[in-house]
Protein backbone atom coordinates (compact mmCIF):
# COMPACT_ATOMS: atom_id res chain seq x y z
CA MET A 1 105.29 104.26 -77.51
CA GLU A 2 106.55 102.70 -74.71
CA ASP A 3 106.31 105.85 -72.58
CA ARG A 4 103.20 106.12 -73.61
CA GLU A 5 102.29 102.40 -72.51
CA LYS A 6 104.02 102.99 -69.19
CA GLU A 7 101.38 105.85 -68.51
CA SER A 8 98.12 104.74 -66.97
CA PRO A 9 95.33 105.85 -70.21
CA LEU A 10 93.00 107.15 -67.56
CA ALA A 11 95.72 109.74 -66.64
CA GLU A 12 96.12 110.77 -70.12
CA VAL A 13 92.42 111.14 -70.43
CA VAL A 14 91.97 113.23 -67.02
CA GLY A 15 95.05 115.26 -67.94
CA GLU A 16 93.77 116.44 -71.30
CA GLY A 17 91.18 117.19 -69.35
CA SER A 18 88.60 114.79 -71.78
CA THR A 19 85.72 113.54 -70.24
CA GLY A 20 85.69 110.09 -72.29
CA GLU A 21 83.21 110.73 -74.12
CA ASP A 22 85.13 112.05 -76.96
CA VAL A 23 87.73 108.91 -76.53
CA GLU A 24 86.98 106.96 -79.80
CA ALA A 25 88.41 104.52 -81.99
CA GLY A 26 88.98 105.42 -84.93
CA PRO A 27 91.33 104.66 -87.88
CA THR A 28 94.68 104.49 -87.08
CA SER A 29 98.17 102.57 -88.19
CA GLY A 30 99.09 99.52 -87.38
CA GLY A 31 97.88 98.41 -83.94
CA GLU A 32 93.78 99.48 -84.25
CA PRO A 33 92.38 96.42 -82.55
CA ALA A 34 94.68 97.64 -79.46
CA GLU A 35 94.02 100.92 -79.54
CA THR A 36 90.38 100.34 -79.65
CA ALA A 37 90.32 98.21 -76.62
CA ASP A 38 91.95 101.00 -74.51
CA ALA A 39 89.41 103.14 -75.46
CA ALA A 40 86.83 101.06 -74.20
CA LYS A 41 88.59 100.06 -71.21
CA LEU A 42 88.85 103.93 -70.51
CA LYS A 43 85.47 104.25 -71.11
CA GLU A 44 84.67 101.74 -68.81
CA GLN A 45 86.59 103.52 -66.13
CA LEU A 46 85.48 106.75 -66.83
CA ALA A 47 81.73 105.31 -66.40
CA TYR A 48 82.91 103.72 -63.29
CA LEU A 49 84.47 107.00 -61.47
CA ALA A 50 81.44 109.07 -62.71
CA ALA A 51 78.71 106.19 -61.07
CA GLU A 52 81.18 106.41 -57.94
CA PHE A 53 81.23 110.14 -57.64
CA GLU A 54 77.25 109.88 -58.39
CA ASN A 55 77.23 107.69 -55.11
CA PHE A 56 79.64 109.91 -52.94
CA ARG A 57 77.65 112.97 -53.23
CA LYS A 58 74.63 111.49 -52.88
CA ARG A 59 76.06 109.48 -49.69
CA VAL A 60 77.26 113.63 -48.39
CA ALA A 61 73.94 114.72 -49.42
CA ARG A 62 72.09 112.16 -47.24
CA GLU A 63 74.98 112.94 -44.27
CA ARG A 64 73.96 116.79 -44.12
CA GLU A 65 69.97 116.32 -44.19
CA ALA A 66 71.10 113.49 -40.97
CA GLN A 67 73.31 116.07 -39.26
CA ALA A 68 70.54 118.74 -40.10
CA ALA A 69 68.05 116.39 -38.34
CA PHE A 70 69.91 115.47 -35.37
CA GLY A 71 73.06 118.43 -35.22
CA ASN A 72 71.35 119.03 -31.47
CA GLU A 73 71.02 115.64 -30.46
CA LYS A 74 73.78 116.21 -28.08
CA LEU A 75 72.23 119.48 -26.45
CA LEU A 76 69.08 118.31 -26.66
CA ARG A 77 69.78 115.70 -24.23
CA ALA A 78 71.86 117.61 -21.81
CA VAL A 79 68.58 119.22 -21.59
CA LEU A 80 66.11 116.39 -20.63
CA PRO A 81 67.33 116.36 -17.29
CA PHE A 82 66.00 120.18 -16.52
CA LEU A 83 62.87 119.25 -18.35
CA ASP A 84 62.23 116.12 -15.57
CA ASN A 85 63.57 118.65 -12.79
CA LEU A 86 60.71 121.32 -13.92
CA GLU A 87 58.13 118.21 -14.16
CA ARG A 88 58.75 117.42 -10.50
CA ALA A 89 58.57 120.56 -9.20
CA MET A 90 55.31 121.05 -10.83
CA GLY A 91 54.00 117.76 -9.29
CA GLN A 92 54.17 119.23 -5.72
CA GLU A 93 51.28 120.33 -5.15
CA GLY A 94 51.54 120.90 -1.32
CA ALA A 95 54.90 122.09 -1.31
CA SER A 96 55.63 125.69 -0.10
CA ALA A 97 56.62 128.48 -1.82
CA VAL A 98 59.53 129.00 -0.64
CA SER A 99 60.51 125.36 -1.34
CA LEU A 100 59.66 125.53 -5.05
CA LEU A 101 61.67 128.50 -5.03
CA SER A 102 64.30 127.22 -4.28
CA GLY A 103 64.01 123.88 -6.35
CA VAL A 104 63.50 126.41 -9.19
CA ARG A 105 66.91 128.27 -8.42
CA MET A 106 68.83 124.98 -8.29
CA THR A 107 67.58 123.67 -11.80
CA HIS A 108 68.16 127.07 -13.39
CA ASP A 109 71.29 127.26 -11.54
CA GLN A 110 72.59 123.17 -12.91
CA PHE A 111 70.86 124.52 -16.20
CA LEU A 112 73.40 127.70 -16.89
CA LEU A 113 76.10 125.27 -15.83
CA GLU A 114 75.16 122.75 -18.05
CA LEU A 115 74.78 125.22 -21.13
CA ARG A 116 78.17 126.49 -20.57
CA LYS A 117 79.45 123.28 -21.45
CA PHE A 118 78.31 124.12 -25.23
CA GLY A 119 79.94 127.37 -25.41
CA LEU A 120 76.57 129.69 -23.54
CA GLU A 121 77.91 132.35 -21.19
CA GLN A 122 75.67 134.90 -19.31
CA LEU A 123 76.68 138.79 -19.91
CA SER A 124 77.04 140.36 -17.02
CA ALA A 125 74.84 143.79 -17.05
CA GLN A 126 73.91 145.06 -13.99
CA GLY A 127 76.29 148.66 -12.88
CA GLY A 128 78.38 148.14 -15.59
CA THR A 129 78.80 150.94 -18.47
CA PHE A 130 76.59 150.64 -21.66
CA ASP A 131 78.41 148.69 -24.58
CA PRO A 132 75.90 149.14 -27.94
CA SER A 133 77.83 145.81 -29.19
CA LEU A 134 77.06 144.09 -26.05
CA HIS A 135 73.94 145.86 -24.64
CA GLU A 136 69.96 146.82 -26.38
CA ALA A 137 68.99 150.51 -24.31
CA ILE A 138 65.29 149.77 -23.69
CA ALA A 139 64.97 152.83 -21.67
CA SER A 140 67.42 155.99 -20.50
CA VAL A 141 66.45 157.23 -17.26
CA PRO A 142 67.81 160.21 -15.41
CA ALA A 143 69.56 159.17 -11.89
CA SER A 144 70.98 161.28 -9.75
CA GLY A 145 74.37 160.63 -8.31
CA LYS A 146 75.23 157.67 -11.38
CA PRO A 147 77.18 159.06 -14.72
CA GLY A 148 75.88 158.82 -18.41
CA GLY A 149 75.37 155.63 -19.97
CA THR A 150 75.56 153.30 -16.65
CA ILE A 151 73.14 150.47 -16.62
CA LEU A 152 70.32 150.78 -14.06
CA ALA A 153 68.37 147.58 -14.32
CA GLU A 154 68.64 144.62 -16.95
CA ALA A 155 64.92 143.73 -18.68
CA ARG A 156 66.78 140.40 -20.44
CA LYS A 157 69.79 138.83 -19.97
CA GLY A 158 72.42 138.73 -23.02
CA TYR A 159 74.43 135.71 -23.98
CA LEU A 160 77.17 134.96 -26.03
CA LEU A 161 78.17 131.72 -27.77
CA HIS A 162 81.85 130.74 -28.06
CA GLY A 163 82.76 134.57 -27.58
CA ARG A 164 80.43 135.62 -30.06
CA LEU A 165 77.19 137.32 -29.46
CA LEU A 166 74.07 135.28 -29.28
CA ARG A 167 71.68 138.23 -27.90
CA PRO A 168 72.22 141.30 -26.61
CA ALA A 169 71.11 142.10 -23.29
CA GLN A 170 67.76 144.13 -22.84
CA VAL A 171 69.52 147.60 -20.45
CA THR A 172 68.02 150.63 -18.67
CA VAL A 173 70.57 153.09 -18.98
CA ALA A 174 71.58 156.58 -16.80
CA ALA A 175 70.62 159.80 -19.11
CA ALA A 176 73.80 162.01 -19.09
CA PRO A 177 72.69 165.24 -17.15
CA PRO A 178 71.47 168.16 -18.80
CA GLU A 179 74.24 170.18 -19.22
CA ASP A 180 73.24 174.09 -17.52
CA GLY A 181 73.27 176.68 -20.29
CA GLY A 182 74.03 179.32 -17.59
CA GLY A 183 73.58 182.70 -19.53
CA ASP A 184 70.24 182.31 -19.70
CA ALA A 185 68.39 185.53 -20.31
CA PRO A 186 65.73 186.63 -17.75
CA ALA A 187 61.91 185.94 -18.96
CA GLY A 188 60.16 189.26 -19.49
CA SER A 189 63.49 191.08 -19.69
CA GLY A 190 62.47 192.02 -23.45
CA GLU A 191 65.91 193.14 -24.81
CA ARG A 192 67.72 191.42 -27.64
CA PRO A 193 70.58 190.85 -28.12
């Protein structure tokens, strides 16, 4: 009995897989009032733990909702200066096309530099070899002097996010030159092989 008193009553119940609801003070020999008090204490502890777990579960659910709602806050804060620059450019009514284009290019470069901090990389496709895991062919055209599969033009840039493909580049690919048949019979010969 002394070994049993040294162990935590909660450990006994949890160790046996009991939920605490089945702990009842039944008729026992000897110390009925002490066992009834232990059972009541166990029920109280289990109710407290159940309430704590429910509060924890609700707190985690609230934190997940907040993370989903505000998870992009850091990225959006980084994007706001570019919106400011574009709005300034749109407000320049008397500016020349050259200066506006220069400002847009600077904003574009600054934007890409900032996005690299978040793991975004631009795919360089122009002049490379077609790779179906990185590129999406939208056209195939014959090109003299270019081997088949060479990327001739890029319609839309592709991007990687932390090394994983986010969006494939849409490209025009050089078609492989047709192979000559070499042994065609002249037209109108009338002979059958």
